[in-house]
Amino acid sequence: MSQYLLPILYTLFVWWFSTGVILYLNGLPRWTYRWTMGGATLLLALALLGLHVTRNDTRISGSYLSFTFALVVWAWQEVAFLLGFVTGPRRTDCPPGALRWRRAGFALQALLHHEFALLALGAAVLALTWDGTNPTGLFTFAILWVMRQSAKLNIFLGVRNLNEGFLPAHLKYLQTYFRRAPMNSLFPISVAVSTWLAVLVWQGALAEGVGAFDATALTFAGTLLSLAILEHWFMVLPLPSERLWNWGLRSRSLDREGPAPKRS
């Protein structure tokens, strides 16, 4: 039972805690951003190295390490985006009256560099784990990438909860590319397909005779995919999901434009 319960608890904690930490760092004064980005980039390099080192580690600990390294790689792009270092060439509001494909083109310009970064990171993860026997890190990054693209499309097409409160002041222009609506036609498809995939993953994890490593790796994948599906439901249900990370948003009450401390 522990080979299922522990990965589930670990994934839940990391999902909740890492999101709060990133939001907290993003809410600190802007002079801290370069230090945050520098630290995140150092961790990125170590995580990419870790993915390569553990690519053939089929112990249970190898699955945990690979999963964690992939999350650190993903966290780098979250930090780079929210701090405003990697977004897109367009950093202004969506022009009034822009509809359909024209609006989609403007939205892509606002996120273009971010999308390129995601592709580059995904290619790096694939290359560093290629021919390895431990697919945990690759599966983790793939799930995060696919479900994030789904979330972006749904927010663009229209959902009830846009979670614009998570956006820092310097990215508020992005909410002009969002659309608020009870639901859109893509949402049921997104949830149905991802739920079907989650069922298949959980069936594999719980199958009779599955080894400890495979059970652990599939539990990580199943839990992460289930959380991503839950986040999709957060977009359309009247639930105050932002309260889960209120502690991470407290830093935004600080003086964001305050001067950097003087060196003695």
C-alpha atoms as a PDB file:
ATOM      1  CA  MET A   1       0.000   0.000   0.000  1.00  0.00           C
ATOM      2  CA  SER A   2       2.878   2.394   0.746  1.00  0.00           C
ATOM      3  CA  GLN A   3       4.037   2.208  -2.878  1.00  0.00           C
ATOM      4  CA  TYR A   4       0.779   4.010  -3.750  1.00  0.00           C
ATOM      5  CA  LEU A   5       0.067   6.158  -0.687  1.00  0.00           C
ATOM      6  CA  LEU A   6       3.512   7.727  -0.349  1.00  0.00           C
ATOM      7  CA  PRO A   7       3.789   8.884  -3.996  1.00  0.00           C
ATOM      8  CA  ILE A   8       0.255  10.314  -3.784  1.00  0.00           C
ATOM      9  CA  LEU A   9       1.060  12.256  -0.606  1.00  0.00           C
ATOM     10  CA  TYR A  10       4.397  13.406  -2.001  1.00  0.00           C
ATOM     11  CA  THR A  11       2.799  14.660  -5.216  1.00  0.00           C
ATOM     12  CA  LEU A  12       0.029  16.475  -3.336  1.00  0.00           C
ATOM     13  CA  PHE A  13       2.508  18.199  -1.055  1.00  0.00           C
ATOM     14  CA  VAL A  14       4.917  19.224  -3.802  1.00  0.00           C
ATOM     15  CA  TRP A  15       2.038  20.475  -6.001  1.00  0.00           C
ATOM     16  CA  TRP A  16       0.651  22.629  -3.186  1.00  0.00           C
ATOM     17  CA  PHE A  17       3.925  23.783  -1.617  1.00  0.00           C
ATOM     18  CA  SER A  18       5.887  24.552  -4.793  1.00  0.00           C
ATOM     19  CA  THR A  19       3.019  26.633  -6.197  1.00  0.00           C
ATOM     20  CA  GLY A  20       2.878  28.657  -2.991  1.00  0.00           C
ATOM     21  CA  VAL A  21       6.645  29.204  -2.930  1.00  0.00           C
ATOM     22  CA  ILE A  22       6.678  30.435  -6.529  1.00  0.00           C
ATOM     23  CA  LEU A  23       3.795  32.821  -5.819  1.00  0.00           C
ATOM     24  CA  TYR A  24       5.563  34.065  -2.695  1.00  0.00           C
ATOM     25  CA  LEU A  25       8.831  34.729  -4.525  1.00  0.00           C
ATOM     26  CA  ASN A  26       6.909  36.450  -7.305  1.00  0.00           C
ATOM     27  CA  GLY A  27       5.315  38.794  -4.773  1.00  0.00           C
ATOM     28  CA  LEU A  28       8.609  40.013  -3.322  1.00  0.00           C
ATOM     29  CA  PRO A  29      10.086  43.404  -4.338  1.00  0.00           C
ATOM     30  CA  ARG A  30      11.284  43.468  -7.926  1.00  0.00           C
ATOM     31  CA  TRP A  31      14.930  43.938  -6.988  1.00  0.00           C
ATOM     32  CA  THR A  32      14.875  40.340  -5.742  1.00  0.00           C
ATOM     33  CA  TYR A  33      13.845  38.946  -9.132  1.00  0.00           C
ATOM     34  CA  ARG A  34      17.356  38.597 -10.531  1.00  0.00           C
ATOM     35  CA  TRP A  35      18.407  36.607  -7.468  1.00  0.00           C
ATOM     36  CA  THR A  36      15.335  34.404  -7.711  1.00  0.00           C
ATOM     37  CA  MET A  37      15.961  33.823 -11.416  1.00  0.00           C
ATOM     38  CA  GLY A  38      19.623  33.082 -10.798  1.00  0.00           C
ATOM     39  CA  GLY A  39      18.790  30.536  -8.103  1.00  0.00           C
ATOM     40  CA  ALA A  40      16.111  28.939 -10.290  1.00  0.00           C
ATOM     41  CA  THR A  41      18.549  28.657 -13.204  1.00  0.00           C
ATOM     42  CA  LEU A  42      21.137  26.950 -10.999  1.00  0.00           C
ATOM     43  CA  LEU A  43      18.481  24.474  -9.843  1.00  0.00           C
ATOM     44  CA  LEU A  44      17.457  23.953 -13.475  1.00  0.00           C
ATOM     45  CA  ALA A  45      21.004  22.945 -14.427  1.00  0.00           C
ATOM     46  CA  LEU A  46      21.200  20.536 -11.494  1.00  0.00           C
ATOM     47  CA  ALA A  47      17.775  19.066 -12.317  1.00  0.00           C
ATOM     48  CA  LEU A  48      18.676  18.465 -15.962  1.00  0.00           C
ATOM     49  CA  LEU A  49      21.875  16.750 -14.845  1.00  0.00           C
ATOM     50  CA  GLY A  50      19.844  14.723 -12.352  1.00  0.00           C
ATOM     51  CA  LEU A  51      17.438  13.556 -15.058  1.00  0.00           C
ATOM     52  CA  HIS A  52      20.356  12.284 -17.102  1.00  0.00           C
ATOM     53  CA  VAL A  53      21.996  10.540 -14.150  1.00  0.00           C
ATOM     54  CA  THR A  54      18.753   8.795 -13.105  1.00  0.00           C
ATOM     55  CA  ARG A  55      17.597   7.816 -16.591  1.00  0.00           C
ATOM     56  CA  ASN A  56      18.441   4.163 -15.908  1.00  0.00           C
ATOM     57  CA  ASP A  57      17.695   4.114 -12.185  1.00  0.00           C
ATOM     58  CA  THR A  58      14.780   1.727 -11.761  1.00  0.00           C
ATOM     59  CA  ARG A  59      14.807   1.725  -7.992  1.00  0.00           C
ATOM     60  CA  ILE A  60      11.864   3.337  -6.186  1.00  0.00           C
ATOM     61  CA  SER A  61      14.203   6.132  -5.105  1.00  0.00           C
ATOM     62  CA  GLY A  62      15.089   6.681  -8.770  1.00  0.00           C
ATOM     63  CA  SER A  63      11.433   7.286  -9.572  1.00  0.00           C
ATOM     64  CA  TYR A  64      11.160   9.844  -6.761  1.00  0.00           C
ATOM     65  CA  LEU A  65      14.328  11.614  -7.889  1.00  0.00           C
ATOM     66  CA  SER A  66      13.353  11.703 -11.552  1.00  0.00           C
ATOM     67  CA  PHE A  67       9.881  12.987 -10.683  1.00  0.00           C
ATOM     68  CA  THR A  68      11.363  15.731  -8.498  1.00  0.00           C
ATOM     69  CA  PHE A  69      13.953  16.755 -11.101  1.00  0.00           C
ATOM     70  CA  ALA A  70      11.232  17.089 -13.761  1.00  0.00           C
ATOM     71  CA  LEU A  71       9.178  19.285 -11.422  1.00  0.00           C
ATOM     72  CA  VAL A  72      12.212  21.532 -10.849  1.00  0.00           C
ATOM     73  CA  VAL A  73      12.637  21.881 -14.618  1.00  0.00           C
ATOM     74  CA  TRP A  74       8.970  22.816 -14.894  1.00  0.00           C
ATOM     75  CA  ALA A  75       9.275  25.253 -11.981  1.00  0.00           C
ATOM     76  CA  TRP A  76      12.005  27.154 -13.832  1.00  0.00           C
ATOM     77  CA  GLN A  77       9.663  28.140 -16.644  1.00  0.00           C
ATOM     78  CA  GLU A  78       6.957  29.079 -14.123  1.00  0.00           C
ATOM     79  CA  VAL A  79       9.394  31.388 -12.346  1.00  0.00           C
ATOM     80  CA  ALA A  80      10.753  32.821 -15.609  1.00  0.00           C
ATOM     81  CA  PHE A  81       7.218  33.538 -16.822  1.00  0.00           C
ATOM     82  CA  LEU A  82       5.771  35.047 -13.648  1.00  0.00           C
ATOM     83  CA  LEU A  83       8.828  37.231 -13.056  1.00  0.00           C
ATOM     84  CA  GLY A  84       8.432  38.539 -16.610  1.00  0.00           C
ATOM     85  CA  PHE A  85      11.772  37.310 -17.966  1.00  0.00           C
ATOM     86  CA  VAL A  86      10.307  34.848 -20.495  1.00  0.00           C
ATOM     87  CA  THR A  87       6.899  35.893 -21.826  1.00  0.00           C
ATOM     88  CA  GLY A  88       6.581  37.186 -25.386  1.00  0.00           C
ATOM     89  CA  PRO A  89       7.351  40.133 -27.680  1.00  0.00           C
ATOM     90  CA  ARG A  90       3.911  41.649 -27.087  1.00  0.00           C
ATOM     91  CA  ARG A  91       3.566  43.197 -23.623  1.00  0.00           C
ATOM     92  CA  THR A  92       0.462  45.308 -24.060  1.00  0.00           C
ATOM     93  CA  ASP A  93      -3.300  44.781 -23.790  1.00  0.00           C
ATOM     94  CA  CYS A  94      -5.213  42.965 -26.475  1.00  0.00           C
ATOM     95  CA  PRO A  95      -6.480  45.606 -28.951  1.00  0.00           C
ATOM     96  CA  PRO A  96     -10.179  46.378 -28.509  1.00  0.00           C
ATOM     97  CA  GLY A  97     -12.310  44.660 -31.098  1.00  0.00           C
ATOM     98  CA  ALA A  98      -9.794  41.908 -31.873  1.00  0.00           C
ATOM     99  CA  LEU A  99     -11.779  38.705 -32.418  1.00  0.00           C
ATOM    100  CA  ARG A 100     -11.164  35.051 -33.223  1.00  0.00           C
ATOM    101  CA  TRP A 101      -7.946  34.393 -35.177  1.00  0.00           C
ATOM    102  CA  ARG A 102      -6.746  37.979 -34.833  1.00  0.00           C
ATOM    103  CA  ARG A 103      -7.135  37.745 -31.054  1.00  0.00           C
ATOM    104  CA  ALA A 104      -5.457  34.345 -31.093  1.00  0.00           C
ATOM    105  CA  GLY A 105      -2.514  35.807 -33.000  1.00  0.00           C
ATOM    106  CA  PHE A 106      -2.089  38.603 -30.462  1.00  0.00           C
ATOM    107  CA  ALA A 107      -2.332  36.102 -27.611  1.00  0.00           C
ATOM    108  CA  LEU A 108       0.388  33.945 -29.180  1.00  0.00           C
ATOM    109  CA  GLN A 109       2.641  36.985 -29.485  1.00  0.00           C
ATOM    110  CA  ALA A 110       2.142  37.668 -25.780  1.00  0.00           C
ATOM    111  CA  LEU A 111       3.310  34.127 -24.896  1.00  0.00           C
ATOM    112  CA  LEU A 112       5.660  33.287 -27.769  1.00  0.00           C
ATOM    113  CA  HIS A 113       8.961  33.235 -25.871  1.00  0.00           C
ATOM    114  CA  HIS A 114       7.332  31.246 -23.086  1.00  0.00           C
ATOM    115  CA  GLU A 115       6.107  28.648 -25.574  1.00  0.00           C
ATOM    116  CA  PHE A 116       9.561  28.370 -27.143  1.00  0.00           C
ATOM    117  CA  ALA A 117      11.045  27.881 -23.670  1.00  0.00           C
ATOM    118  CA  LEU A 118       8.607  25.055 -22.977  1.00  0.00           C
ATOM    119  CA  LEU A 119       9.530  23.340 -26.235  1.00  0.00           C
ATOM    120  CA  ALA A 120      13.247  23.750 -25.533  1.00  0.00           C
ATOM    121  CA  LEU A 121      12.895  22.349 -22.022  1.00  0.00           C
ATOM    122  CA  GLY A 122      10.801  19.457 -23.291  1.00  0.00           C
ATOM    123  CA  ALA A 123      13.412  18.661 -25.942  1.00  0.00           C
ATOM    124  CA  ALA A 124      16.140  18.779 -23.288  1.00  0.00           C
ATOM    125  CA  VAL A 125      14.235  16.406 -20.996  1.00  0.00           C
ATOM    126  CA  LEU A 126      13.623  14.021 -23.905  1.00  0.00           C
ATOM    127  CA  ALA A 127      17.266  14.093 -25.009  1.00  0.00           C
ATOM    128  CA  LEU A 128      18.638  13.585 -21.498  1.00  0.00           C
ATOM    129  CA  THR A 129      16.359  10.617 -20.776  1.00  0.00           C
ATOM    130  CA  TRP A 130      16.454   9.054 -24.259  1.00  0.00           C
ATOM    131  CA  ASP A 131      16.856   5.256 -24.235  1.00  0.00           C
ATOM    132  CA  GLY A 132      16.659   5.279 -20.439  1.00  0.00           C
ATOM    133  CA  THR A 133      14.729   2.717 -18.436  1.00  0.00           C
ATOM    134  CA  ASN A 134      13.326   5.278 -15.994  1.00  0.00           C
ATOM    135  CA  PRO A 135      10.613   7.266 -17.814  1.00  0.00           C
ATOM    136  CA  THR A 136       9.246   9.017 -14.702  1.00  0.00           C
ATOM    137  CA  GLY A 137      10.766  12.422 -15.446  1.00  0.00           C
ATOM    138  CA  LEU A 138       9.748  12.381 -19.099  1.00  0.00           C
ATOM    139  CA  PHE A 139       6.183  11.342 -18.250  1.00  0.00           C
ATOM    140  CA  THR A 140       6.002  14.051 -15.590  1.00  0.00           C
ATOM    141  CA  PHE A 141       7.085  16.843 -17.923  1.00  0.00           C
ATOM    142  CA  ALA A 142       4.841  15.557 -20.731  1.00  0.00           C
ATOM    143  CA  ILE A 143       1.762  15.534 -18.485  1.00  0.00           C
ATOM    144  CA  LEU A 144       2.493  19.049 -17.232  1.00  0.00           C
ATOM    145  CA  TRP A 145       3.054  20.362 -20.764  1.00  0.00           C
ATOM    146  CA  VAL A 146      -0.072  18.807 -22.308  1.00  0.00           C
ATOM    147  CA  MET A 147      -2.362  19.810 -19.453  1.00  0.00           C
ATOM    148  CA  ARG A 148      -0.956  23.342 -19.365  1.00  0.00           C
ATOM    149  CA  GLN A 149      -1.639  23.775 -23.074  1.00  0.00           C
ATOM    150  CA  SER A 150      -5.177  22.528 -22.473  1.00  0.00           C
ATOM    151  CA  ALA A 151      -5.646  24.998 -19.631  1.00  0.00           C
ATOM    152  CA  LYS A 152      -4.358  27.889 -21.752  1.00  0.00           C
ATOM    153  CA  LEU A 153      -6.736  27.079 -24.587  1.00  0.00           C
ATOM    154  CA  ASN A 154      -9.690  26.803 -22.233  1.00  0.00           C
ATOM    155  CA  ILE A 155      -8.874  30.127 -20.574  1.00  0.00           C
ATOM    156  CA  PHE A 156      -8.562  31.741 -24.007  1.00  0.00           C
ATOM    157  CA  LEU A 157     -11.905  30.295 -25.163  1.00  0.00           C
ATOM    158  CA  GLY A 158     -13.698  31.138 -21.926  1.00  0.00           C
ATOM    159  CA  VAL A 159     -14.129  29.763 -18.410  1.00  0.00           C
ATOM    160  CA  ARG A 160     -15.803  30.967 -15.230  1.00  0.00           C
ATOM    161  CA  ASN A 161     -12.676  31.347 -13.065  1.00  0.00           C
ATOM    162  CA  LEU A 162      -9.678  32.965 -14.736  1.00  0.00           C
ATOM    163  CA  ASN A 163      -7.546  33.063 -11.557  1.00  0.00           C
ATOM    164  CA  GLU A 164      -6.279  36.469 -12.583  1.00  0.00           C
ATOM    165  CA  GLY A 165      -5.392  37.054  -8.937  1.00  0.00           C
ATOM    166  CA  PHE A 166      -2.306  34.899  -9.509  1.00  0.00           C
ATOM    167  CA  LEU A 167      -0.974  37.332 -12.122  1.00  0.00           C
ATOM    168  CA  PRO A 168       1.544  39.896 -10.805  1.00  0.00           C
ATOM    169  CA  ALA A 169       1.053  43.571 -11.620  1.00  0.00           C
ATOM    170  CA  HIS A 170       3.544  43.537 -14.506  1.00  0.00           C
ATOM    171  CA  LEU A 171       1.578  40.763 -16.252  1.00  0.00           C
ATOM    172  CA  LYS A 172      -1.935  42.122 -15.763  1.00  0.00           C
ATOM    173  CA  TYR A 173      -2.150  42.901 -19.470  1.00  0.00           C
ATOM    174  CA  LEU A 174      -2.433  39.150 -20.100  1.00  0.00           C
ATOM    175  CA  GLN A 175      -5.929  39.024 -18.635  1.00  0.00           C
ATOM    176  CA  THR A 176      -7.172  41.083 -21.593  1.00  0.00           C
ATOM    177  CA  TYR A 177      -6.542  37.982 -23.710  1.00  0.00           C
ATOM    178  CA  PHE A 178      -8.690  35.818 -21.427  1.00  0.00           C
ATOM    179  CA  ARG A 179     -12.412  35.316 -21.825  1.00  0.00           C
ATOM    180  CA  ARG A 180     -14.882  34.805 -19.011  1.00  0.00           C
ATOM    181  CA  ALA A 181     -17.735  32.406 -19.785  1.00  0.00           C
ATOM    182  CA  PRO A 182     -19.548  29.594 -17.941  1.00  0.00           C
ATOM    183  CA  MET A 183     -17.781  27.050 -20.179  1.00  0.00           C
ATOM    184  CA  ASN A 184     -16.554  26.527 -23.735  1.00  0.00           C
ATOM    185  CA  SER A 185     -16.917  23.680 -26.216  1.00  0.00           C
ATOM    186  CA  LEU A 186     -13.345  22.473 -25.701  1.00  0.00           C
ATOM    187  CA  PHE A 187     -13.676  21.998 -21.937  1.00  0.00           C
ATOM    188  CA  PRO A 188     -15.777  18.781 -21.948  1.00  0.00           C
ATOM    189  CA  ILE A 189     -13.410  17.244 -24.498  1.00  0.00           C
ATOM    190  CA  SER A 190     -10.342  18.227 -22.464  1.00  0.00           C
ATOM    191  CA  VAL A 191     -11.747  16.735 -19.282  1.00  0.00           C
ATOM    192  CA  ALA A 192     -13.128  13.597 -20.946  1.00  0.00           C
ATOM    193  CA  VAL A 193      -9.881  12.722 -22.749  1.00  0.00           C
ATOM    194  CA  SER A 194      -7.644  13.468 -19.761  1.00  0.00           C
ATOM    195  CA  THR A 195      -9.945  11.509 -17.434  1.00  0.00           C
ATOM    196  CA  TRP A 196      -9.853   8.519 -19.786  1.00  0.00           C
ATOM    197  CA  LEU A 197      -6.047   8.675 -19.824  1.00  0.00           C
ATOM    198  CA  ALA A 198      -5.966   8.967 -16.028  1.00  0.00           C
ATOM    199  CA  VAL A 199      -8.135   5.850 -15.724  1.00  0.00           C
ATOM    200  CA  LEU A 200      -5.724   3.925 -17.970  1.00  0.00           C
ATOM    201  CA  VAL A 201      -2.734   5.085 -15.923  1.00  0.00           C
ATOM    202  CA  TRP A 202      -4.380   4.116 -12.629  1.00  0.00           C
ATOM    203  CA  GLN A 203      -5.379   0.748 -14.053  1.00  0.00           C
ATOM    204  CA  GLY A 204      -1.752   0.152 -14.965  1.00  0.00           C
ATOM    205  CA  ALA A 205      -0.572   1.209 -11.512  1.00  0.00           C
ATOM    206  CA  LEU A 206      -3.040  -1.109  -9.788  1.00  0.00           C
ATOM    207  CA  ALA A 207      -2.681  -4.038 -12.161  1.00  0.00           C
ATOM    208  CA  GLU A 208      -1.943  -7.418 -10.657  1.00  0.00           C
ATOM    209  CA  GLY A 209       1.735  -8.303 -10.690  1.00  0.00           C
ATOM    210  CA  VAL A 210       3.008  -4.790 -11.394  1.00  0.00           C
ATOM    211  CA  GLY A 211       6.506  -4.200  -9.976  1.00  0.00           C
ATOM    212  CA  ALA A 212       7.253  -1.703  -7.213  1.00  0.00           C
ATOM    213  CA  PHE A 213       9.095   0.690  -9.518  1.00  0.00           C
ATOM    214  CA  ASP A 214       6.385   0.668 -12.195  1.00  0.00           C
ATOM    215  CA  ALA A 215       3.673   1.065  -9.552  1.00  0.00           C
ATOM    216  CA  THR A 216       5.482   4.076  -8.091  1.00  0.00           C
ATOM    217  CA  ALA A 217       6.138   5.725 -11.470  1.00  0.00           C
ATOM    218  CA  LEU A 218       2.542   5.195 -12.640  1.00  0.00           C
ATOM    219  CA  THR A 219       1.178   6.479  -9.319  1.00  0.00           C
ATOM    220  CA  PHE A 220       3.175   9.674  -9.769  1.00  0.00           C
ATOM    221  CA  ALA A 221       1.770  10.037 -13.288  1.00  0.00           C
ATOM    222  CA  GLY A 222      -1.785   9.199 -12.236  1.00  0.00           C
ATOM    223  CA  THR A 223      -1.768  11.580  -9.281  1.00  0.00           C
ATOM    224  CA  LEU A 224      -0.285  14.440 -11.303  1.00  0.00           C
ATOM    225  CA  LEU A 225      -2.780  13.915 -14.121  1.00  0.00           C
ATOM    226  CA  SER A 226      -5.659  13.751 -11.622  1.00  0.00           C
ATOM    227  CA  LEU A 227      -4.530  17.042 -10.070  1.00  0.00           C
ATOM    228  CA  ALA A 228      -4.366  18.650 -13.502  1.00  0.00           C
ATOM    229  CA  ILE A 229      -7.931  17.493 -14.161  1.00  0.00           C
ATOM    230  CA  LEU A 230      -8.967  18.951 -10.807  1.00  0.00           C
ATOM    231  CA  GLU A 231      -7.375  22.256 -11.791  1.00  0.00           C
ATOM    232  CA  HIS A 232      -9.458  22.194 -14.966  1.00  0.00           C
ATOM    233  CA  TRP A 233     -12.613  21.789 -12.875  1.00  0.00           C
ATOM    234  CA  PHE A 234     -11.469  24.709 -10.721  1.00  0.00           C
ATOM    235  CA  MET A 235     -11.799  26.845 -13.863  1.00  0.00           C
ATOM    236  CA  VAL A 236     -15.546  26.260 -14.213  1.00  0.00           C
ATOM    237  CA  LEU A 237     -16.860  25.464 -10.737  1.00  0.00           C
ATOM    238  CA  PRO A 238     -17.723  28.243  -8.234  1.00  0.00           C
ATOM    239  CA  LEU A 239     -14.983  27.206  -5.813  1.00  0.00           C
ATOM    240  CA  PRO A 240     -12.504  29.570  -4.092  1.00  0.00           C
ATOM    241  CA  SER A 241      -9.468  27.532  -5.177  1.00  0.00           C
ATOM    242  CA  GLU A 242      -7.129  30.504  -4.743  1.00  0.00           C
ATOM    243  CA  ARG A 243      -7.491  30.146  -0.971  1.00  0.00           C
ATOM    244  CA  LEU A 244      -5.259  27.086  -1.160  1.00  0.00           C
ATOM    245  CA  TRP A 245      -2.340  29.439  -1.784  1.00  0.00           C
ATOM    246  CA  ASN A 246      -3.311  32.538   0.201  1.00  0.00           C
ATOM    247  CA  TRP A 247      -0.108  32.121   2.185  1.00  0.00           C
ATOM    248  CA  GLY A 248       1.939  32.405  -0.994  1.00  0.00           C
ATOM    249  CA  LEU A 249       0.186  35.624  -2.036  1.00  0.00           C
ATOM    250  CA  ARG A 250       0.922  37.437   1.228  1.00  0.00           C
ATOM    251  CA  SER A 251       4.262  38.701  -0.063  1.00  0.00           C
ATOM    252  CA  ARG A 252       2.413  40.968  -2.500  1.00  0.00           C
ATOM    253  CA  SER A 253       1.601  43.295   0.390  1.00  0.00           C
ATOM    254  CA  LEU A 254       5.309  44.203   0.540  1.00  0.00           C
ATOM    255  CA  ASP A 255       6.760  47.222  -1.239  1.00  0.00           C
ATOM    256  CA  ARG A 256       7.444  45.675  -4.629  1.00  0.00           C
ATOM    257  CA  GLU A 257       9.337  48.683  -5.929  1.00  0.00           C
ATOM    258  CA  GLY A 258      11.384  49.226  -2.791  1.00  0.00           C
ATOM    259  CA  PRO A 259      15.107  49.855  -3.223  1.00  0.00           C
ATOM    260  CA  ALA A 260      17.610  47.065  -2.927  1.00  0.00           C
ATOM    261  CA  PRO A 261      19.486  46.945   0.395  1.00  0.00           C
ATOM    262  CA  LYS A 262      22.734  48.899   0.329  1.00  0.00           C
ATOM    263  CA  ARG A 263      25.991  47.050   0.600  1.00  0.00           C
ATOM    264  CA  SER A 264      28.099  47.928   3.590  1.00  0.00           C
END
